[in-house]
Amino acid sequence: MSLFLTNFVIIMEDLKIIKRIQNGEKNLFGKIYEKYVDEIYKFIYLKTTNTEISEDLTSETFFSALKNIFKFDTNSKDANFRARIYKIAYNKTINHYKICDRETGICEYIDLPCEQDFAGDLDNKEEIKNILSYLKTLSDNERNVIIYRIWHDLSFKEISEILGISLDNCKKISSRTLKKINSNFLILLFIFLIF
């Protein structure tokens, strides 16, 4: 099955569940939660590198998604609940850092030697730190496009919706960033092998 068809099937399955939730079957939100909790946690963890903060922001993301589920238009031609959850996670993470910056200056959290990190059983945490350090050298949009595209397997359309940029701009950022990363082949190799 092609990637496009697979994504289409996933989107349609989600929309059926969302419609049922909107019609009163709130217990079905557990299916959405189970389907996306790990990838949303990993996405947030890549931004915070802190287990506790990532868990909190993941919980806040799903709470917000459930709280506002009746506002989600399942009849829109662009309806995509996965992209919606990522957008909420993105905004929660950005808001966390805005609050953190106001209260304490800059927030830098490094919490890699934990049991529940995104790399699972990977032994060499130093390699992960190097990759995260390299990713921090990229602009926010470059980093986000690469993370969404490679690690979370989102389409360019989903990424453009989450980041609020045009589809063409999203594709250009991806191409330009991959060329930049390609100049450091070792980092590129680790990025593709680890995730």
C-alpha atoms as a PDB file:
ATOM      1  CA  MET A   1       0.000   0.000   0.000  1.00  0.00           C
ATOM      2  CA  SER A   2       1.399   3.419  -0.923  1.00  0.00           C
ATOM      3  CA  LEU A   3       2.277   5.969   1.743  1.00  0.00           C
ATOM      4  CA  PHE A   4      -0.449   8.293   0.447  1.00  0.00           C
ATOM      5  CA  LEU A   5      -3.076   5.563   0.642  1.00  0.00           C
ATOM      6  CA  THR A   6      -1.883   4.490   4.098  1.00  0.00           C
ATOM      7  CA  ASN A   7      -2.107   8.081   5.374  1.00  0.00           C
ATOM      8  CA  PHE A   8      -5.551   8.463   3.817  1.00  0.00           C
ATOM      9  CA  VAL A   9      -6.802   5.298   5.549  1.00  0.00           C
ATOM     10  CA  ILE A  10      -5.386   6.482   8.897  1.00  0.00           C
ATOM     11  CA  ILE A  11      -7.022   9.893   8.509  1.00  0.00           C
ATOM     12  CA  MET A  12     -10.387   8.335   7.638  1.00  0.00           C
ATOM     13  CA  GLU A  13     -10.227   5.897  10.580  1.00  0.00           C
ATOM     14  CA  ASP A  14      -9.457   8.795  12.925  1.00  0.00           C
ATOM     15  CA  LEU A  15     -12.339  10.849  11.539  1.00  0.00           C
ATOM     16  CA  LYS A  16     -14.793   7.986  12.132  1.00  0.00           C
ATOM     17  CA  ILE A  17     -13.658   7.741  15.754  1.00  0.00           C
ATOM     18  CA  ILE A  18     -13.793  11.539  16.222  1.00  0.00           C
ATOM     19  CA  LYS A  19     -17.344  11.668  14.854  1.00  0.00           C
ATOM     20  CA  ARG A  20     -18.389   8.955  17.305  1.00  0.00           C
ATOM     21  CA  ILE A  21     -16.731  10.847  20.173  1.00  0.00           C
ATOM     22  CA  GLN A  22     -18.546  14.012  19.121  1.00  0.00           C
ATOM     23  CA  ASN A  23     -21.778  11.995  19.177  1.00  0.00           C
ATOM     24  CA  GLY A  24     -21.269  11.085  22.828  1.00  0.00           C
ATOM     25  CA  GLU A  25     -18.911   8.089  22.870  1.00  0.00           C
ATOM     26  CA  LYS A  26     -16.141   9.890  24.780  1.00  0.00           C
ATOM     27  CA  ASN A  27     -14.598   6.618  25.933  1.00  0.00           C
ATOM     28  CA  LEU A  28     -13.341   6.125  22.354  1.00  0.00           C
ATOM     29  CA  PHE A  29     -10.809   8.891  22.912  1.00  0.00           C
ATOM     30  CA  GLY A  30      -8.685   6.182  24.535  1.00  0.00           C
ATOM     31  CA  LYS A  31      -8.149   4.706  21.056  1.00  0.00           C
ATOM     32  CA  ILE A  32      -6.822   8.021  19.771  1.00  0.00           C
ATOM     33  CA  TYR A  33      -4.660   8.386  22.866  1.00  0.00           C
ATOM     34  CA  GLU A  34      -3.178   4.883  22.535  1.00  0.00           C
ATOM     35  CA  LYS A  35      -2.578   5.379  18.830  1.00  0.00           C
ATOM     36  CA  TYR A  36      -0.613   8.626  19.174  1.00  0.00           C
ATOM     37  CA  VAL A  37       0.728   8.941  22.733  1.00  0.00           C
ATOM     38  CA  ASP A  38       4.139   7.402  22.032  1.00  0.00           C
ATOM     39  CA  GLU A  39       4.868   9.438  18.921  1.00  0.00           C
ATOM     40  CA  ILE A  40       3.677  12.674  20.551  1.00  0.00           C
ATOM     41  CA  TYR A  41       5.831  11.952  23.606  1.00  0.00           C
ATOM     42  CA  LYS A  42       8.848  11.325  21.368  1.00  0.00           C
ATOM     43  CA  PHE A  43       8.154  14.511  19.435  1.00  0.00           C
ATOM     44  CA  ILE A  44       7.988  16.589  22.615  1.00  0.00           C
ATOM     45  CA  TYR A  45      11.003  14.817  24.110  1.00  0.00           C
ATOM     46  CA  LEU A  46      13.102  15.764  21.093  1.00  0.00           C
ATOM     47  CA  LYS A  47      12.306  19.384  21.881  1.00  0.00           C
ATOM     48  CA  THR A  48      12.700  19.298  25.671  1.00  0.00           C
ATOM     49  CA  THR A  49      15.119  16.382  26.247  1.00  0.00           C
ATOM     50  CA  ASN A  50      13.513  16.079  29.674  1.00  0.00           C
ATOM     51  CA  THR A  51      11.364  13.095  30.646  1.00  0.00           C
ATOM     52  CA  GLU A  52       9.197  14.788  33.262  1.00  0.00           C
ATOM     53  CA  ILE A  53       8.466  17.871  31.171  1.00  0.00           C
ATOM     54  CA  SER A  54       7.753  15.690  28.127  1.00  0.00           C
ATOM     55  CA  GLU A  55       5.298  13.563  30.091  1.00  0.00           C
ATOM     56  CA  ASP A  56       3.534  16.667  31.430  1.00  0.00           C
ATOM     57  CA  LEU A  57       3.317  18.317  28.010  1.00  0.00           C
ATOM     58  CA  THR A  58       2.094  15.067  26.445  1.00  0.00           C
ATOM     59  CA  SER A  59      -0.686  14.868  29.047  1.00  0.00           C
ATOM     60  CA  GLU A  60      -1.577  18.516  28.469  1.00  0.00           C
ATOM     61  CA  THR A  61      -1.656  17.901  24.712  1.00  0.00           C
ATOM     62  CA  PHE A  62      -4.164  15.075  24.946  1.00  0.00           C
ATOM     63  CA  PHE A  63      -6.240  16.851  27.581  1.00  0.00           C
ATOM     64  CA  SER A  64      -6.476  19.873  25.288  1.00  0.00           C
ATOM     65  CA  ALA A  65      -7.314  17.665  22.290  1.00  0.00           C
ATOM     66  CA  LEU A  66     -10.153  16.008  24.214  1.00  0.00           C
ATOM     67  CA  LYS A  67     -11.410  19.275  25.681  1.00  0.00           C
ATOM     68  CA  ASN A  68     -11.645  20.855  22.221  1.00  0.00           C
ATOM     69  CA  ILE A  69     -12.697  17.794  20.247  1.00  0.00           C
ATOM     70  CA  PHE A  70     -16.161  19.210  19.572  1.00  0.00           C
ATOM     71  CA  LYS A  71     -14.582  22.178  17.786  1.00  0.00           C
ATOM     72  CA  PHE A  72     -12.814  19.865  15.330  1.00  0.00           C
ATOM     73  CA  ASP A  73     -14.579  19.947  11.946  1.00  0.00           C
ATOM     74  CA  THR A  74     -14.653  16.363  10.687  1.00  0.00           C
ATOM     75  CA  ASN A  75     -16.387  17.496   7.487  1.00  0.00           C
ATOM     76  CA  SER A  76     -13.587  19.798   6.356  1.00  0.00           C
ATOM     77  CA  LYS A  77     -11.764  18.582   3.259  1.00  0.00           C
ATOM     78  CA  ASP A  78      -8.490  19.096   5.154  1.00  0.00           C
ATOM     79  CA  ALA A  79      -9.617  17.384   8.382  1.00  0.00           C
ATOM     80  CA  ASN A  80      -6.646  15.534   9.878  1.00  0.00           C
ATOM     81  CA  PHE A  81      -6.740  14.835  13.608  1.00  0.00           C
ATOM     82  CA  ARG A  82      -3.150  13.561  13.712  1.00  0.00           C
ATOM     83  CA  ALA A  83      -1.938  16.913  12.388  1.00  0.00           C
ATOM     84  CA  ARG A  84      -4.209  18.609  14.935  1.00  0.00           C
ATOM     85  CA  ILE A  85      -2.615  16.688  17.832  1.00  0.00           C
ATOM     86  CA  TYR A  86       0.866  17.545  16.579  1.00  0.00           C
ATOM     87  CA  LYS A  87      -0.126  21.205  16.297  1.00  0.00           C
ATOM     88  CA  ILE A  88      -1.361  21.155  19.907  1.00  0.00           C
ATOM     89  CA  ALA A  89       1.877  19.452  21.050  1.00  0.00           C
ATOM     90  CA  TYR A  90       3.932  21.995  19.130  1.00  0.00           C
ATOM     91  CA  ASN A  91       2.036  24.903  20.699  1.00  0.00           C
ATOM     92  CA  LYS A  92       2.229  23.407  24.216  1.00  0.00           C
ATOM     93  CA  THR A  93       5.998  23.028  23.851  1.00  0.00           C
ATOM     94  CA  ILE A  94       6.429  26.570  22.528  1.00  0.00           C
ATOM     95  CA  ASN A  95       4.234  27.949  25.339  1.00  0.00           C
ATOM     96  CA  HIS A  96       6.242  26.007  27.921  1.00  0.00           C
ATOM     97  CA  TYR A  97       9.434  27.685  26.762  1.00  0.00           C
ATOM     98  CA  LYS A  98       7.808  31.119  26.622  1.00  0.00           C
ATOM     99  CA  ILE A  99       6.703  30.715  30.250  1.00  0.00           C
ATOM    100  CA  CYS A 100      10.068  29.259  31.214  1.00  0.00           C
ATOM    101  CA  ASP A 101      11.935  32.134  29.546  1.00  0.00           C
ATOM    102  CA  ARG A 102       9.849  34.693  31.431  1.00  0.00           C
ATOM    103  CA  GLU A 103      10.388  33.009  34.789  1.00  0.00           C
ATOM    104  CA  THR A 104      14.003  31.880  34.730  1.00  0.00           C
ATOM    105  CA  GLY A 105      15.729  33.119  31.634  1.00  0.00           C
ATOM    106  CA  ILE A 106      16.605  30.301  29.282  1.00  0.00           C
ATOM    107  CA  CYS A 107      15.448  26.741  29.848  1.00  0.00           C
ATOM    108  CA  GLU A 108      17.960  24.093  28.870  1.00  0.00           C
ATOM    109  CA  TYR A 109      17.086  20.632  30.055  1.00  0.00           C
ATOM    110  CA  ILE A 110      19.226  17.586  29.471  1.00  0.00           C
ATOM    111  CA  ASP A 111      17.731  14.432  30.884  1.00  0.00           C
ATOM    112  CA  LEU A 112      18.948  11.707  28.547  1.00  0.00           C
ATOM    113  CA  PRO A 113      20.038   8.980  30.984  1.00  0.00           C
ATOM    114  CA  CYS A 114      16.477   8.000  31.853  1.00  0.00           C
ATOM    115  CA  GLU A 115      14.546   4.772  31.515  1.00  0.00           C
ATOM    116  CA  GLN A 116      11.903   6.188  29.194  1.00  0.00           C
ATOM    117  CA  ASP A 117      13.910   8.079  26.628  1.00  0.00           C
ATOM    118  CA  PHE A 118      12.930   8.141  22.979  1.00  0.00           C
ATOM    119  CA  ALA A 119      15.880   5.993  21.894  1.00  0.00           C
ATOM    120  CA  GLY A 120      14.674   2.939  23.780  1.00  0.00           C
ATOM    121  CA  ASP A 121      17.434   0.366  24.115  1.00  0.00           C
ATOM    122  CA  LEU A 122      20.148   2.415  22.418  1.00  0.00           C
ATOM    123  CA  ASP A 123      23.309   2.114  24.489  1.00  0.00           C
ATOM    124  CA  ASN A 124      25.282   5.158  23.441  1.00  0.00           C
ATOM    125  CA  LYS A 125      23.537   8.227  24.876  1.00  0.00           C
ATOM    126  CA  GLU A 126      26.472  10.389  23.802  1.00  0.00           C
ATOM    127  CA  GLU A 127      25.554   9.854  20.140  1.00  0.00           C
ATOM    128  CA  ILE A 128      22.016  11.007  20.878  1.00  0.00           C
ATOM    129  CA  LYS A 129      23.345  14.108  22.623  1.00  0.00           C
ATOM    130  CA  ASN A 130      25.497  14.841  19.566  1.00  0.00           C
ATOM    131  CA  ILE A 131      22.528  14.490  17.232  1.00  0.00           C
ATOM    132  CA  LEU A 132      20.370  16.718  19.433  1.00  0.00           C
ATOM    133  CA  SER A 133      23.188  19.260  19.621  1.00  0.00           C
ATOM    134  CA  TYR A 134      23.490  19.222  15.841  1.00  0.00           C
ATOM    135  CA  LEU A 135      19.740  19.638  15.430  1.00  0.00           C
ATOM    136  CA  LYS A 136      19.878  22.677  17.719  1.00  0.00           C
ATOM    137  CA  THR A 137      22.188  24.356  15.172  1.00  0.00           C
ATOM    138  CA  LEU A 138      19.335  24.318  12.650  1.00  0.00           C
ATOM    139  CA  SER A 139      16.671  27.009  12.585  1.00  0.00           C
ATOM    140  CA  ASP A 140      13.361  26.173  14.281  1.00  0.00           C
ATOM    141  CA  ASN A 141      11.590  25.574  10.968  1.00  0.00           C
ATOM    142  CA  GLU A 142      14.450  23.461   9.581  1.00  0.00           C
ATOM    143  CA  ARG A 143      14.579  21.337  12.714  1.00  0.00           C
ATOM    144  CA  ASN A 144      10.800  20.958  12.915  1.00  0.00           C
ATOM    145  CA  VAL A 145      10.388  20.007   9.251  1.00  0.00           C
ATOM    146  CA  ILE A 146      13.099  17.332   9.532  1.00  0.00           C
ATOM    147  CA  ILE A 147      11.747  15.959  12.811  1.00  0.00           C
ATOM    148  CA  TYR A 148       8.172  15.831  11.524  1.00  0.00           C
ATOM    149  CA  ARG A 149       9.131  14.403   8.141  1.00  0.00           C
ATOM    150  CA  ILE A 150      11.754  11.805   9.062  1.00  0.00           C
ATOM    151  CA  TRP A 151      10.915  10.754  12.613  1.00  0.00           C
ATOM    152  CA  HIS A 152       7.179  11.197  12.649  1.00  0.00           C
ATOM    153  CA  ASP A 153       6.545  10.346   8.984  1.00  0.00           C
ATOM    154  CA  LEU A 154       4.204  13.291   8.481  1.00  0.00           C
ATOM    155  CA  SER A 155       3.344  14.469   4.989  1.00  0.00           C
ATOM    156  CA  PHE A 156       4.477  17.890   3.798  1.00  0.00           C
ATOM    157  CA  LYS A 157       0.827  18.961   3.906  1.00  0.00           C
ATOM    158  CA  GLU A 158       0.525  17.958   7.582  1.00  0.00           C
ATOM    159  CA  ILE A 159       3.808  19.689   8.416  1.00  0.00           C
ATOM    160  CA  SER A 160       2.767  22.891   6.667  1.00  0.00           C
ATOM    161  CA  GLU A 161      -0.505  22.896   8.656  1.00  0.00           C
ATOM    162  CA  ILE A 162       1.281  22.350  11.968  1.00  0.00           C
ATOM    163  CA  LEU A 163       3.912  25.028  11.369  1.00  0.00           C
ATOM    164  CA  GLY A 164       1.584  27.474   9.640  1.00  0.00           C
ATOM    165  CA  ILE A 165       3.720  27.741   6.493  1.00  0.00           C
ATOM    166  CA  SER A 166       2.888  27.150   2.832  1.00  0.00           C
ATOM    167  CA  LEU A 167       3.261  23.701   1.323  1.00  0.00           C
ATOM    168  CA  ASP A 168       5.887  24.960  -1.156  1.00  0.00           C
ATOM    169  CA  ASN A 169       7.880  26.621   1.611  1.00  0.00           C
ATOM    170  CA  CYS A 170       7.752  23.412   3.641  1.00  0.00           C
ATOM    171  CA  LYS A 171       9.174  21.403   0.723  1.00  0.00           C
ATOM    172  CA  LYS A 172      11.915  23.990   0.119  1.00  0.00           C
ATOM    173  CA  ILE A 173      12.904  23.982   3.786  1.00  0.00           C
ATOM    174  CA  SER A 174      13.094  20.182   3.745  1.00  0.00           C
ATOM    175  CA  SER A 175      15.228  20.068   0.620  1.00  0.00           C
ATOM    176  CA  ARG A 176      17.563  22.827   1.808  1.00  0.00           C
ATOM    177  CA  THR A 177      17.938  21.265   5.262  1.00  0.00           C
ATOM    178  CA  LEU A 178      18.638  17.782   3.925  1.00  0.00           C
ATOM    179  CA  LYS A 179      21.381  19.271   1.732  1.00  0.00           C
ATOM    180  CA  LYS A 180      22.809  21.005   4.787  1.00  0.00           C
ATOM    181  CA  ILE A 181      22.658  17.815   6.846  1.00  0.00           C
ATOM    182  CA  ASN A 182      24.105  15.843   3.945  1.00  0.00           C
ATOM    183  CA  SER A 183      27.304  17.862   4.302  1.00  0.00           C
ATOM    184  CA  ASN A 184      27.682  16.113   7.648  1.00  0.00           C
ATOM    185  CA  PHE A 185      27.078  12.542   6.472  1.00  0.00           C
ATOM    186  CA  LEU A 186      27.670  10.925   9.861  1.00  0.00           C
ATOM    187  CA  ILE A 187      24.871  12.932  11.503  1.00  0.00           C
ATOM    188  CA  LEU A 188      22.550  12.101   8.616  1.00  0.00           C
ATOM    189  CA  LEU A 189      23.377   8.405   8.934  1.00  0.00           C
ATOM    190  CA  PHE A 190      22.609   8.388  12.673  1.00  0.00           C
ATOM    191  CA  ILE A 191      19.379  10.314  12.154  1.00  0.00           C
ATOM    192  CA  PHE A 192      18.097   7.721   9.693  1.00  0.00           C
ATOM    193  CA  LEU A 193      19.392   4.673  11.575  1.00  0.00           C
ATOM    194  CA  ILE A 194      18.228   5.640  15.058  1.00  0.00           C
ATOM    195  CA  PHE A 195      14.750   6.676  14.090  1.00  0.00           C
END
